[in-house]
Amino acid sequence: MINHVTICVIDDDGAFRDSLRFLLESAGYTVAAYESGNSFLTSQDMEHIGCILLDVRMTGMSGLELQNELKQRAIPAPIIFLTGHGDVPMAVEAIKRGAFEFIEKPVNDAILLGMIERALQHDADTRRARARQLSAAARLATLSPREYEVMERVVAGKPNKVIAEDLGISVKTVEAHRARMMMKTGADSIAELVQLALDGLPPQNR
């Protein structure tokens, strides 16, 4: 169980909201419950959200509108939509927009808890990938422009002689840049350097 993050329940049905809170707290989770999307946005620490249980149809801001707002704010917490039978097409649309899953009311406790476990694992994987990307980007940022050019060519599999020809410098200079580049990045091998370069790229450029 991943319990260092908060599960947020957002539903304007007070009785249903309370029953979900009881279920999740009984299962050992930290829970925060909200009656509307606006109250959630103004009071929740977004950094520690593990997943969001969100009603599709609410008074005021709808679940889909809140999903769009979270996307605009680059808040990646996985969303499980809670839906009545007639709202299934809306939930399917939410999935197309990036929601993690949806479950129909009345909620089956075992199915919901299984979804939450998968959502929290997805959140943990996303956090680890983000941490790797930030760490790699910080290490690559220590390179000089020339060292970065050498790194790009090393990662592409080019030998020192070809790199020297590409950059118009001597092989010895390439070797010196290469040694400093490996030292600054902390890479112990070319394979590790390649992975570092991949991790340091923004997701859309990989």
N, C-alpha and C. Protein backbone atom coordinates (compact mmCIF):
# COMPACT_ATOMS: atom_id res chain seq x y z
N MET A 1 0.84 -1.20 0.00
CA MET A 1 0.00 0.00 0.00
C MET A 1 0.88 1.25 0.00
N ILE A 2 0.49 2.24 -0.81
CA ILE A 2 1.23 3.50 -0.89
C ILE A 2 0.44 4.52 -0.09
N ASN A 3 0.90 4.87 1.13
CA ASN A 3 0.08 5.67 2.03
C ASN A 3 0.72 6.99 2.42
N HIS A 4 1.76 7.45 1.72
CA HIS A 4 2.37 8.73 2.05
C HIS A 4 1.75 9.86 1.26
N VAL A 5 0.74 9.56 0.47
CA VAL A 5 0.05 10.58 -0.32
C VAL A 5 -1.43 10.59 0.07
N THR A 6 -2.13 11.61 -0.41
CA THR A 6 -3.54 11.79 -0.05
C THR A 6 -4.44 11.39 -1.21
N ILE A 7 -5.51 10.69 -0.89
CA ILE A 7 -6.56 10.42 -1.88
C ILE A 7 -7.63 11.49 -1.70
N CYS A 8 -7.96 12.19 -2.76
CA CYS A 8 -8.95 13.25 -2.70
C CYS A 8 -10.28 12.76 -3.27
N VAL A 9 -11.33 12.91 -2.51
CA VAL A 9 -12.68 12.56 -2.92
C VAL A 9 -13.44 13.86 -3.18
N ILE A 10 -13.95 14.01 -4.40
CA ILE A 10 -14.67 15.23 -4.76
C ILE A 10 -16.05 14.84 -5.28
N ASP A 11 -17.07 15.10 -4.47
CA ASP A 11 -18.43 14.69 -4.81
C ASP A 11 -19.39 15.57 -4.03
N ASP A 12 -20.47 16.06 -4.68
CA ASP A 12 -21.40 16.95 -3.99
C ASP A 12 -22.47 16.21 -3.21
N ASP A 13 -22.44 14.89 -3.23
CA ASP A 13 -23.35 14.07 -2.42
C ASP A 13 -22.67 13.79 -1.08
N GLY A 14 -23.13 14.47 -0.04
CA GLY A 14 -22.46 14.37 1.25
C GLY A 14 -22.44 12.98 1.83
N ALA A 15 -23.55 12.24 1.74
CA ALA A 15 -23.61 10.89 2.30
C ALA A 15 -22.66 9.96 1.56
N PHE A 16 -22.63 10.07 0.24
CA PHE A 16 -21.73 9.23 -0.56
C PHE A 16 -20.28 9.58 -0.27
N ARG A 17 -20.00 10.87 -0.14
CA ARG A 17 -18.65 11.34 0.15
C ARG A 17 -18.16 10.79 1.48
N ASP A 18 -19.04 10.82 2.47
CA ASP A 18 -18.66 10.32 3.80
C ASP A 18 -18.44 8.81 3.79
N SER A 19 -19.26 8.09 3.02
CA SER A 19 -19.09 6.63 2.97
C SER A 19 -17.77 6.26 2.30
N LEU A 20 -17.39 7.02 1.28
CA LEU A 20 -16.10 6.76 0.61
C LEU A 20 -14.95 7.07 1.56
N ARG A 21 -15.05 8.16 2.27
CA ARG A 21 -14.01 8.51 3.23
C ARG A 21 -13.84 7.39 4.27
N PHE A 22 -14.95 6.88 4.78
CA PHE A 22 -14.88 5.81 5.78
C PHE A 22 -14.22 4.56 5.20
N LEU A 23 -14.62 4.19 3.97
CA LEU A 23 -14.05 3.02 3.31
C LEU A 23 -12.55 3.17 3.16
N LEU A 24 -12.11 4.30 2.65
CA LEU A 24 -10.69 4.49 2.35
C LEU A 24 -9.85 4.64 3.61
N GLU A 25 -10.37 5.34 4.60
CA GLU A 25 -9.62 5.45 5.85
C GLU A 25 -9.53 4.10 6.55
N SER A 26 -10.59 3.29 6.43
CA SER A 26 -10.56 1.94 7.01
C SER A 26 -9.50 1.08 6.33
N ALA A 27 -9.23 1.39 5.05
CA ALA A 27 -8.21 0.65 4.30
C ALA A 27 -6.81 1.20 4.54
N GLY A 28 -6.70 2.24 5.37
CA GLY A 28 -5.39 2.75 5.74
C GLY A 28 -4.92 3.96 4.96
N TYR A 29 -5.79 4.55 4.15
CA TYR A 29 -5.38 5.68 3.33
C TYR A 29 -5.62 7.01 4.05
N THR A 30 -4.84 8.01 3.66
CA THR A 30 -5.09 9.39 4.07
C THR A 30 -6.06 9.99 3.06
N VAL A 31 -7.15 10.57 3.55
CA VAL A 31 -8.23 11.02 2.67
C VAL A 31 -8.56 12.48 2.94
N ALA A 32 -8.82 13.23 1.86
CA ALA A 32 -9.37 14.58 1.96
C ALA A 32 -10.61 14.62 1.09
N ALA A 33 -11.73 15.10 1.64
CA ALA A 33 -12.99 15.09 0.90
C ALA A 33 -13.49 16.51 0.65
N TYR A 34 -14.07 16.72 -0.52
CA TYR A 34 -14.53 18.05 -0.92
C TYR A 34 -15.89 17.94 -1.58
N GLU A 35 -16.70 19.00 -1.38
CA GLU A 35 -18.05 18.99 -1.93
C GLU A 35 -18.10 19.60 -3.33
N SER A 36 -17.01 20.22 -3.77
CA SER A 36 -16.99 20.85 -5.09
C SER A 36 -15.58 20.95 -5.62
N GLY A 37 -15.49 21.16 -6.93
CA GLY A 37 -14.18 21.36 -7.54
C GLY A 37 -13.51 22.62 -7.04
N ASN A 38 -14.29 23.68 -6.84
CA ASN A 38 -13.71 24.94 -6.38
C ASN A 38 -13.11 24.82 -4.98
N SER A 39 -13.83 24.11 -4.08
CA SER A 39 -13.29 23.96 -2.72
C SER A 39 -12.01 23.13 -2.74
N PHE A 40 -11.94 22.17 -3.64
CA PHE A 40 -10.73 21.36 -3.78
C PHE A 40 -9.57 22.23 -4.26
N LEU A 41 -9.79 23.05 -5.28
CA LEU A 41 -8.72 23.85 -5.87
C LEU A 41 -8.18 24.90 -4.91
N THR A 42 -9.01 25.38 -3.99
CA THR A 42 -8.57 26.45 -3.10
C THR A 42 -7.97 25.94 -1.79
N SER A 43 -8.10 24.65 -1.50
CA SER A 43 -7.65 24.19 -0.18
C SER A 43 -6.69 23.01 -0.19
N GLN A 44 -6.43 22.41 -1.34
CA GLN A 44 -5.63 21.18 -1.36
C GLN A 44 -4.18 21.45 -1.75
N ASP A 45 -3.26 20.81 -1.02
CA ASP A 45 -1.84 20.81 -1.39
C ASP A 45 -1.66 19.84 -2.55
N MET A 46 -1.51 20.37 -3.75
CA MET A 46 -1.51 19.54 -4.96
C MET A 46 -0.31 18.60 -5.04
N GLU A 47 0.78 18.93 -4.36
CA GLU A 47 2.00 18.15 -4.48
C GLU A 47 1.84 16.75 -3.91
N HIS A 48 0.96 16.57 -2.93
CA HIS A 48 0.88 15.30 -2.22
C HIS A 48 -0.37 14.49 -2.56
N ILE A 49 -0.99 14.79 -3.70
CA ILE A 49 -2.16 14.02 -4.12
C ILE A 49 -1.69 12.72 -4.78
N GLY A 50 -2.20 11.59 -4.28
CA GLY A 50 -1.87 10.31 -4.90
C GLY A 50 -2.83 9.96 -6.01
N CYS A 51 -4.12 10.21 -5.81
CA CYS A 51 -5.12 10.07 -6.86
C CYS A 51 -6.37 10.83 -6.45
N ILE A 52 -7.24 11.03 -7.42
CA ILE A 52 -8.47 11.81 -7.21
C ILE A 52 -9.67 10.96 -7.60
N LEU A 53 -10.65 10.87 -6.69
CA LEU A 53 -11.94 10.24 -7.00
C LEU A 53 -12.89 11.39 -7.27
N LEU A 54 -13.37 11.47 -8.50
CA LEU A 54 -14.08 12.68 -8.95
C LEU A 54 -15.43 12.33 -9.58
N ASP A 55 -16.48 12.95 -9.04
CA ASP A 55 -17.82 12.77 -9.60
C ASP A 55 -17.89 13.49 -10.95
N VAL A 56 -18.45 12.83 -11.94
CA VAL A 56 -18.57 13.44 -13.26
C VAL A 56 -19.52 14.62 -13.23
N ARG A 57 -20.69 14.41 -12.61
CA ARG A 57 -21.75 15.42 -12.67
C ARG A 57 -21.95 16.05 -11.29
N MET A 58 -21.57 17.31 -11.15
CA MET A 58 -21.74 18.03 -9.89
C MET A 58 -22.34 19.40 -10.15
N THR A 59 -22.95 19.98 -9.14
CA THR A 59 -23.41 21.36 -9.27
C THR A 59 -22.17 22.26 -9.31
N GLY A 60 -22.28 23.36 -10.02
CA GLY A 60 -21.12 24.23 -10.17
C GLY A 60 -20.15 23.64 -11.19
N MET A 61 -18.90 23.58 -10.83
CA MET A 61 -17.88 23.02 -11.72
C MET A 61 -18.09 21.52 -11.88
N SER A 62 -18.21 21.06 -13.12
CA SER A 62 -18.39 19.62 -13.38
C SER A 62 -17.05 18.89 -13.24
N GLY A 63 -17.14 17.57 -13.19
CA GLY A 63 -15.92 16.78 -13.12
C GLY A 63 -15.03 16.98 -14.33
N LEU A 64 -15.64 17.08 -15.51
CA LEU A 64 -14.85 17.29 -16.73
C LEU A 64 -14.18 18.66 -16.73
N GLU A 65 -14.88 19.66 -16.22
CA GLU A 65 -14.28 21.00 -16.14
C GLU A 65 -13.11 21.01 -15.17
N LEU A 66 -13.25 20.30 -14.04
CA LEU A 66 -12.14 20.23 -13.10
C LEU A 66 -10.97 19.47 -13.70
N GLN A 67 -11.25 18.40 -14.43
CA GLN A 67 -10.19 17.66 -15.11
C GLN A 67 -9.41 18.58 -16.05
N ASN A 68 -10.13 19.40 -16.81
CA ASN A 68 -9.47 20.34 -17.73
C ASN A 68 -8.62 21.36 -16.97
N GLU A 69 -9.13 21.82 -15.83
CA GLU A 69 -8.39 22.80 -15.03
C GLU A 69 -7.11 22.19 -14.47
N LEU A 70 -7.18 20.96 -14.00
CA LEU A 70 -5.98 20.29 -13.48
C LEU A 70 -4.96 20.08 -14.59
N LYS A 71 -5.45 19.76 -15.79
CA LYS A 71 -4.53 19.58 -16.91
C LYS A 71 -3.82 20.89 -17.25
N GLN A 72 -4.56 21.99 -17.23
CA GLN A 72 -3.97 23.30 -17.51
C GLN A 72 -2.93 23.67 -16.46
N ARG A 73 -3.13 23.22 -15.25
CA ARG A 73 -2.19 23.52 -14.16
C ARG A 73 -1.05 22.50 -14.09
N ALA A 74 -1.05 21.54 -15.02
CA ALA A 74 -0.01 20.51 -15.07
C ALA A 74 0.06 19.71 -13.77
N ILE A 75 -1.11 19.37 -13.24
CA ILE A 75 -1.20 18.52 -12.05
C ILE A 75 -1.50 17.10 -12.53
N PRO A 76 -0.53 16.19 -12.40
CA PRO A 76 -0.64 14.88 -13.06
C PRO A 76 -1.34 13.78 -12.26
N ALA A 77 -1.92 14.11 -11.12
CA ALA A 77 -2.53 13.06 -10.29
C ALA A 77 -3.57 12.26 -11.08
N PRO A 78 -3.50 10.93 -11.02
CA PRO A 78 -4.48 10.12 -11.76
C PRO A 78 -5.89 10.34 -11.23
N ILE A 79 -6.86 10.41 -12.14
CA ILE A 79 -8.25 10.65 -11.79
C ILE A 79 -9.09 9.40 -12.05
N ILE A 80 -9.83 8.96 -11.04
CA ILE A 80 -10.83 7.91 -11.20
C ILE A 80 -12.19 8.60 -11.14
N PHE A 81 -12.94 8.54 -12.23
CA PHE A 81 -14.24 9.19 -12.27
C PHE A 81 -15.31 8.29 -11.68
N LEU A 82 -16.18 8.90 -10.89
CA LEU A 82 -17.34 8.23 -10.31
C LEU A 82 -18.55 8.65 -11.12
N THR A 83 -19.31 7.71 -11.61
CA THR A 83 -20.38 8.05 -12.54
C THR A 83 -21.63 7.24 -12.30
N GLY A 84 -22.78 7.89 -12.52
CA GLY A 84 -24.04 7.17 -12.59
C GLY A 84 -24.15 6.50 -13.94
N HIS A 85 -25.10 5.58 -14.07
CA HIS A 85 -25.23 4.80 -15.31
C HIS A 85 -25.38 5.71 -16.54
N GLY A 86 -26.18 6.77 -16.39
CA GLY A 86 -26.42 7.65 -17.54
C GLY A 86 -25.24 8.52 -17.90
N ASP A 87 -24.22 8.55 -17.04
CA ASP A 87 -23.05 9.40 -17.29
C ASP A 87 -21.88 8.64 -17.90
N VAL A 88 -22.07 7.37 -18.23
CA VAL A 88 -20.96 6.57 -18.76
C VAL A 88 -20.34 7.20 -20.01
N PRO A 89 -21.14 7.70 -20.98
CA PRO A 89 -20.50 8.35 -22.14
C PRO A 89 -19.59 9.51 -21.75
N MET A 90 -19.99 10.27 -20.71
CA MET A 90 -19.15 11.37 -20.24
C MET A 90 -17.86 10.83 -19.64
N ALA A 91 -17.97 9.73 -18.91
CA ALA A 91 -16.78 9.14 -18.30
C ALA A 91 -15.83 8.61 -19.37
N VAL A 92 -16.39 8.03 -20.42
CA VAL A 92 -15.56 7.55 -21.52
C VAL A 92 -14.81 8.71 -22.17
N GLU A 93 -15.50 9.84 -22.32
CA GLU A 93 -14.86 11.04 -22.86
C GLU A 93 -13.73 11.49 -21.94
N ALA A 94 -13.95 11.38 -20.63
CA ALA A 94 -12.92 11.76 -19.67
C ALA A 94 -11.69 10.86 -19.81
N ILE A 95 -11.91 9.57 -20.06
CA ILE A 95 -10.79 8.65 -20.28
C ILE A 95 -9.98 9.09 -21.50
N LYS A 96 -10.69 9.48 -22.55
CA LYS A 96 -10.00 9.94 -23.76
C LYS A 96 -9.15 11.18 -23.47
N ARG A 97 -9.56 11.95 -22.50
CA ARG A 97 -8.82 13.18 -22.14
C ARG A 97 -7.71 12.91 -21.14
N GLY A 98 -7.54 11.63 -20.75
CA GLY A 98 -6.41 11.31 -19.88
C GLY A 98 -6.76 10.80 -18.50
N ALA A 99 -8.06 10.63 -18.18
CA ALA A 99 -8.42 10.08 -16.87
C ALA A 99 -7.90 8.66 -16.75
N PHE A 100 -7.65 8.24 -15.52
CA PHE A 100 -7.08 6.92 -15.28
C PHE A 100 -8.11 5.82 -15.46
N GLU A 101 -9.33 6.02 -14.93
CA GLU A 101 -10.35 4.97 -14.97
C GLU A 101 -11.67 5.58 -14.53
N PHE A 102 -12.77 4.83 -14.69
CA PHE A 102 -14.03 5.27 -14.11
C PHE A 102 -14.75 4.06 -13.54
N ILE A 103 -15.61 4.34 -12.54
CA ILE A 103 -16.37 3.29 -11.90
C ILE A 103 -17.79 3.79 -11.68
N GLU A 104 -18.76 2.92 -11.91
CA GLU A 104 -20.16 3.32 -11.77
C GLU A 104 -20.62 3.25 -10.32
N LYS A 105 -21.51 4.17 -9.96
CA LYS A 105 -22.21 4.12 -8.68
C LYS A 105 -23.41 3.17 -8.81
N PRO A 106 -23.79 2.46 -7.76
CA PRO A 106 -23.10 2.35 -6.47
C PRO A 106 -21.76 1.64 -6.63
N VAL A 107 -20.78 2.08 -5.87
CA VAL A 107 -19.41 1.61 -6.03
C VAL A 107 -19.23 0.23 -5.40
N ASN A 108 -18.57 -0.66 -6.16
CA ASN A 108 -18.14 -1.94 -5.60
C ASN A 108 -16.83 -1.71 -4.86
N ASP A 109 -16.83 -1.95 -3.55
CA ASP A 109 -15.67 -1.60 -2.73
C ASP A 109 -14.39 -2.27 -3.21
N ALA A 110 -14.45 -3.56 -3.49
CA ALA A 110 -13.24 -4.30 -3.89
C ALA A 110 -12.69 -3.78 -5.21
N ILE A 111 -13.59 -3.52 -6.16
CA ILE A 111 -13.15 -3.02 -7.46
C ILE A 111 -12.53 -1.63 -7.31
N LEU A 112 -13.17 -0.78 -6.51
CA LEU A 112 -12.64 0.57 -6.30
C LEU A 112 -11.27 0.54 -5.65
N LEU A 113 -11.10 -0.27 -4.61
CA LEU A 113 -9.82 -0.35 -3.92
C LEU A 113 -8.72 -0.86 -4.86
N GLY A 114 -9.08 -1.80 -5.74
CA GLY A 114 -8.11 -2.28 -6.72
C GLY A 114 -7.71 -1.18 -7.69
N MET A 115 -8.69 -0.38 -8.13
CA MET A 115 -8.38 0.75 -9.02
C MET A 115 -7.46 1.75 -8.33
N ILE A 116 -7.74 2.01 -7.06
CA ILE A 116 -6.94 2.98 -6.32
C ILE A 116 -5.50 2.50 -6.19
N GLU A 117 -5.31 1.23 -5.89
CA GLU A 117 -3.95 0.68 -5.80
C GLU A 117 -3.19 0.88 -7.11
N ARG A 118 -3.87 0.60 -8.23
CA ARG A 118 -3.21 0.77 -9.54
C ARG A 118 -2.93 2.24 -9.82
N ALA A 119 -3.87 3.11 -9.43
CA ALA A 119 -3.67 4.54 -9.65
C ALA A 119 -2.51 5.07 -8.83
N LEU A 120 -2.40 4.60 -7.58
CA LEU A 120 -1.29 5.05 -6.73
C LEU A 120 0.05 4.53 -7.24
N GLN A 121 0.05 3.31 -7.78
CA GLN A 121 1.28 2.79 -8.35
C GLN A 121 1.68 3.61 -9.58
N HIS A 122 0.68 3.97 -10.38
CA HIS A 122 0.94 4.82 -11.55
C HIS A 122 1.50 6.18 -11.10
N ASP A 123 0.93 6.74 -10.05
CA ASP A 123 1.41 8.02 -9.53
C ASP A 123 2.86 7.90 -9.04
N ALA A 124 3.16 6.80 -8.34
CA ALA A 124 4.52 6.60 -7.84
C ALA A 124 5.51 6.46 -8.99
N ASP A 125 5.12 5.73 -10.04
CA ASP A 125 5.98 5.57 -11.21
C ASP A 125 6.23 6.93 -11.89
N THR A 126 5.16 7.73 -11.98
CA THR A 126 5.28 9.05 -12.60
C THR A 126 6.21 9.95 -11.79
N ARG A 127 6.10 9.89 -10.47
CA ARG A 127 6.97 10.71 -9.61
C ARG A 127 8.43 10.31 -9.76
N ARG A 128 8.69 8.99 -9.83
CA ARG A 128 10.07 8.53 -10.00
C ARG A 128 10.64 8.98 -11.34
N ALA A 129 9.82 8.88 -12.39
CA ALA A 129 10.28 9.30 -13.72
C ALA A 129 10.57 10.80 -13.74
N ARG A 130 9.72 11.57 -13.07
CA ARG A 130 9.92 13.02 -13.01
C ARG A 130 11.19 13.36 -12.25
N ALA A 131 11.44 12.63 -11.16
CA ALA A 131 12.65 12.87 -10.37
C ALA A 131 13.90 12.54 -11.17
N ARG A 132 13.84 11.43 -11.94
CA ARG A 132 14.98 11.07 -12.79
C ARG A 132 15.23 12.15 -13.84
N GLN A 133 14.15 12.67 -14.43
CA GLN A 133 14.29 13.68 -15.47
C GLN A 133 14.91 14.96 -14.91
N LEU A 134 14.46 15.37 -13.72
CA LEU A 134 15.00 16.59 -13.11
C LEU A 134 16.47 16.41 -12.73
N SER A 135 16.81 15.24 -12.17
CA SER A 135 18.19 14.97 -11.79
C SER A 135 19.10 14.94 -13.01
N ALA A 136 18.64 14.27 -14.07
CA ALA A 136 19.45 14.18 -15.29
C ALA A 136 19.62 15.56 -15.92
N ALA A 137 18.55 16.34 -15.97
CA ALA A 137 18.63 17.68 -16.57
C ALA A 137 19.61 18.55 -15.79
N ALA A 138 19.61 18.42 -14.45
CA ALA A 138 20.53 19.22 -13.64
C ALA A 138 21.98 18.83 -13.90
N ARG A 139 22.24 17.53 -14.07
CA ARG A 139 23.60 17.07 -14.33
C ARG A 139 24.05 17.50 -15.73
N LEU A 140 23.16 17.43 -16.70
CA LEU A 140 23.53 17.85 -18.06
C LEU A 140 23.75 19.36 -18.13
N ALA A 141 23.07 20.11 -17.26
CA ALA A 141 23.21 21.57 -17.27
C ALA A 141 24.60 22.02 -16.81
N THR A 142 25.37 21.13 -16.18
CA THR A 142 26.72 21.49 -15.74
C THR A 142 27.71 21.49 -16.90
N LEU A 143 27.33 20.94 -18.05
CA LEU A 143 28.25 20.84 -19.19
C LEU A 143 28.38 22.17 -19.91
N SER A 144 29.58 22.43 -20.41
CA SER A 144 29.78 23.59 -21.26
C SER A 144 29.14 23.29 -22.62
N PRO A 145 28.89 24.32 -23.44
CA PRO A 145 28.32 24.07 -24.77
C PRO A 145 29.14 23.06 -25.58
N ARG A 146 30.46 23.15 -25.54
CA ARG A 146 31.29 22.22 -26.30
C ARG A 146 31.20 20.80 -25.73
N GLU A 147 31.20 20.69 -24.40
CA GLU A 147 31.06 19.37 -23.78
C GLU A 147 29.72 18.74 -24.15
N TYR A 148 28.69 19.57 -24.23
CA TYR A 148 27.38 19.06 -24.61
C TYR A 148 27.39 18.55 -26.06
N GLU A 149 28.08 19.29 -26.93
CA GLU A 149 28.19 18.84 -28.32
C GLU A 149 28.92 17.50 -28.40
N VAL A 150 29.97 17.35 -27.62
CA VAL A 150 30.70 16.08 -27.58
C VAL A 150 29.80 14.98 -27.06
N MET A 151 29.05 15.27 -25.99
CA MET A 151 28.15 14.26 -25.41
C MET A 151 27.13 13.79 -26.43
N GLU A 152 26.53 14.72 -27.17
CA GLU A 152 25.53 14.34 -28.17
C GLU A 152 26.10 13.35 -29.18
N ARG A 153 27.34 13.58 -29.57
CA ARG A 153 27.95 12.71 -30.57
C ARG A 153 28.41 11.38 -29.97
N VAL A 154 28.86 11.41 -28.73
CA VAL A 154 29.21 10.16 -28.05
C VAL A 154 27.96 9.29 -27.91
N VAL A 155 26.87 9.90 -27.49
CA VAL A 155 25.60 9.17 -27.32
C VAL A 155 25.12 8.60 -28.65
N ALA A 156 25.41 9.33 -29.74
CA ALA A 156 25.02 8.85 -31.07
C ALA A 156 25.93 7.73 -31.58
N GLY A 157 26.97 7.40 -30.81
CA GLY A 157 27.85 6.29 -31.19
C GLY A 157 29.02 6.66 -32.06
N LYS A 158 29.31 7.96 -32.18
CA LYS A 158 30.41 8.37 -33.04
C LYS A 158 31.75 8.22 -32.32
N PRO A 159 32.78 7.72 -33.00
CA PRO A 159 34.11 7.62 -32.39
C PRO A 159 34.76 9.00 -32.30
N ASN A 160 35.81 9.09 -31.48
CA ASN A 160 36.46 10.39 -31.24
C ASN A 160 36.95 11.05 -32.52
N LYS A 161 37.46 10.25 -33.45
CA LYS A 161 37.98 10.82 -34.69
C LYS A 161 36.88 11.52 -35.48
N VAL A 162 35.73 10.88 -35.55
CA VAL A 162 34.60 11.49 -36.28
C VAL A 162 34.09 12.72 -35.56
N ILE A 163 34.05 12.65 -34.24
CA ILE A 163 33.62 13.81 -33.45
C ILE A 163 34.56 14.99 -33.69
N ALA A 164 35.87 14.71 -33.73
CA ALA A 164 36.85 15.76 -33.98
C ALA A 164 36.62 16.40 -35.34
N GLU A 165 36.34 15.59 -36.35
CA GLU A 165 36.08 16.12 -37.69
C GLU A 165 34.80 16.95 -37.71
N ASP A 166 33.75 16.45 -37.02
CA ASP A 166 32.48 17.18 -36.96
C ASP A 166 32.65 18.56 -36.36
N LEU A 167 33.44 18.65 -35.30
CA LEU A 167 33.55 19.89 -34.54
C LEU A 167 34.75 20.74 -34.93
N GLY A 168 35.61 20.21 -35.80
CA GLY A 168 36.78 20.97 -36.24
C GLY A 168 37.81 21.15 -35.15
N ILE A 169 37.98 20.12 -34.32
CA ILE A 169 38.96 20.18 -33.23
C ILE A 169 39.80 18.91 -33.29
N SER A 170 40.86 18.86 -32.48
CA SER A 170 41.73 17.69 -32.49
C SER A 170 41.12 16.54 -31.68
N VAL A 171 41.63 15.34 -31.96
CA VAL A 171 41.17 14.17 -31.21
C VAL A 171 41.50 14.32 -29.74
N LYS A 172 42.70 14.87 -29.44
CA LYS A 172 43.08 15.06 -28.03
C LYS A 172 42.12 16.02 -27.32
N THR A 173 41.67 17.03 -28.03
CA THR A 173 40.71 17.97 -27.44
C THR A 173 39.37 17.27 -27.18
N VAL A 174 38.97 16.43 -28.13
CA VAL A 174 37.74 15.64 -27.93
C VAL A 174 37.88 14.76 -26.70
N GLU A 175 39.03 14.11 -26.57
CA GLU A 175 39.25 13.23 -25.42
C GLU A 175 39.19 14.01 -24.11
N ALA A 176 39.74 15.23 -24.11
CA ALA A 176 39.71 16.05 -22.90
C ALA A 176 38.27 16.46 -22.56
N HIS A 177 37.52 16.90 -23.58
CA HIS A 177 36.12 17.27 -23.36
C HIS A 177 35.33 16.05 -22.88
N ARG A 178 35.61 14.93 -23.48
CA ARG A 178 34.89 13.70 -23.14
C ARG A 178 35.16 13.30 -21.69
N ALA A 179 36.38 13.41 -21.26
CA ALA A 179 36.73 13.05 -19.88
C ALA A 179 36.02 13.99 -18.89
N ARG A 180 36.02 15.30 -19.19
CA ARG A 180 35.35 16.24 -18.31
C ARG A 180 33.84 16.02 -18.31
N MET A 181 33.31 15.70 -19.47
CA MET A 181 31.87 15.46 -19.59
C MET A 181 31.45 14.26 -18.76
N MET A 182 32.23 13.18 -18.82
CA MET A 182 31.91 11.98 -18.04
C MET A 182 32.03 12.28 -16.54
N MET A 183 33.03 13.09 -16.16
CA MET A 183 33.23 13.41 -14.75
C MET A 183 32.08 14.27 -14.22
N LYS A 184 31.69 15.29 -14.99
CA LYS A 184 30.63 16.19 -14.55
C LYS A 184 29.28 15.48 -14.42
N THR A 185 28.98 14.60 -15.36
CA THR A 185 27.69 13.92 -15.33
C THR A 185 27.68 12.76 -14.34
N GLY A 186 28.86 12.30 -13.95
CA GLY A 186 28.93 11.17 -13.04
C GLY A 186 28.65 9.83 -13.71
N ALA A 187 28.64 9.82 -15.03
CA ALA A 187 28.38 8.57 -15.76
C ALA A 187 29.63 7.69 -15.74
N ASP A 188 29.46 6.43 -15.41
CA ASP A 188 30.58 5.49 -15.33
C ASP A 188 30.79 4.70 -16.61
N SER A 189 29.84 4.83 -17.55
CA SER A 189 29.94 4.09 -18.81
C SER A 189 29.14 4.82 -19.88
N ILE A 190 29.38 4.43 -21.13
CA ILE A 190 28.61 5.04 -22.23
C ILE A 190 27.14 4.69 -22.10
N ALA A 191 26.85 3.45 -21.69
CA ALA A 191 25.45 3.04 -21.52
C ALA A 191 24.76 3.93 -20.49
N GLU A 192 25.47 4.24 -19.40
CA GLU A 192 24.88 5.10 -18.37
C GLU A 192 24.71 6.52 -18.89
N LEU A 193 25.66 6.97 -19.71
CA LEU A 193 25.55 8.30 -20.30
C LEU A 193 24.35 8.39 -21.24
N VAL A 194 24.15 7.35 -22.04
CA VAL A 194 23.00 7.32 -22.95
C VAL A 194 21.70 7.41 -22.16
N GLN A 195 21.60 6.64 -21.08
CA GLN A 195 20.38 6.68 -20.27
C GLN A 195 20.19 8.05 -19.64
N LEU A 196 21.29 8.65 -19.20
CA LEU A 196 21.22 9.99 -18.62
C LEU A 196 20.71 11.00 -19.63
N ALA A 197 21.23 10.90 -20.86
CA ALA A 197 20.79 11.82 -21.91
C ALA A 197 19.31 11.64 -22.21
N LEU A 198 18.85 10.39 -22.23
CA LEU A 198 17.44 10.12 -22.47
C LEU A 198 16.57 10.64 -21.34
N ASP A 199 17.00 10.42 -20.12
CA ASP A 199 16.24 10.88 -18.95
C ASP A 199 16.17 12.40 -18.91
N GLY A 200 17.21 13.07 -19.41
CA GLY A 200 17.26 14.52 -19.32
C GLY A 200 16.46 15.23 -20.38
N LEU A 201 15.97 14.49 -21.38
CA LEU A 201 15.16 15.10 -22.42
C LEU A 201 13.73 15.29 -21.92
N PRO A 202 13.04 16.37 -22.32
CA PRO A 202 11.62 16.48 -22.03
C PRO A 202 10.88 15.31 -22.68
N PRO A 203 9.77 14.81 -22.07
CA PRO A 203 9.06 13.65 -22.60
C PRO A 203 8.68 13.79 -24.07
N GLN A 204 8.30 15.00 -24.53
CA GLN A 204 7.88 15.14 -25.91
C GLN A 204 9.01 15.02 -26.91
N ASN A 205 10.28 15.10 -26.42
CA ASN A 205 11.44 15.03 -27.31
C ASN A 205 12.12 13.68 -27.30
N ARG A 206 11.55 12.72 -26.55
CA ARG A 206 12.21 11.41 -26.47
C ARG A 206 11.84 10.54 -27.64
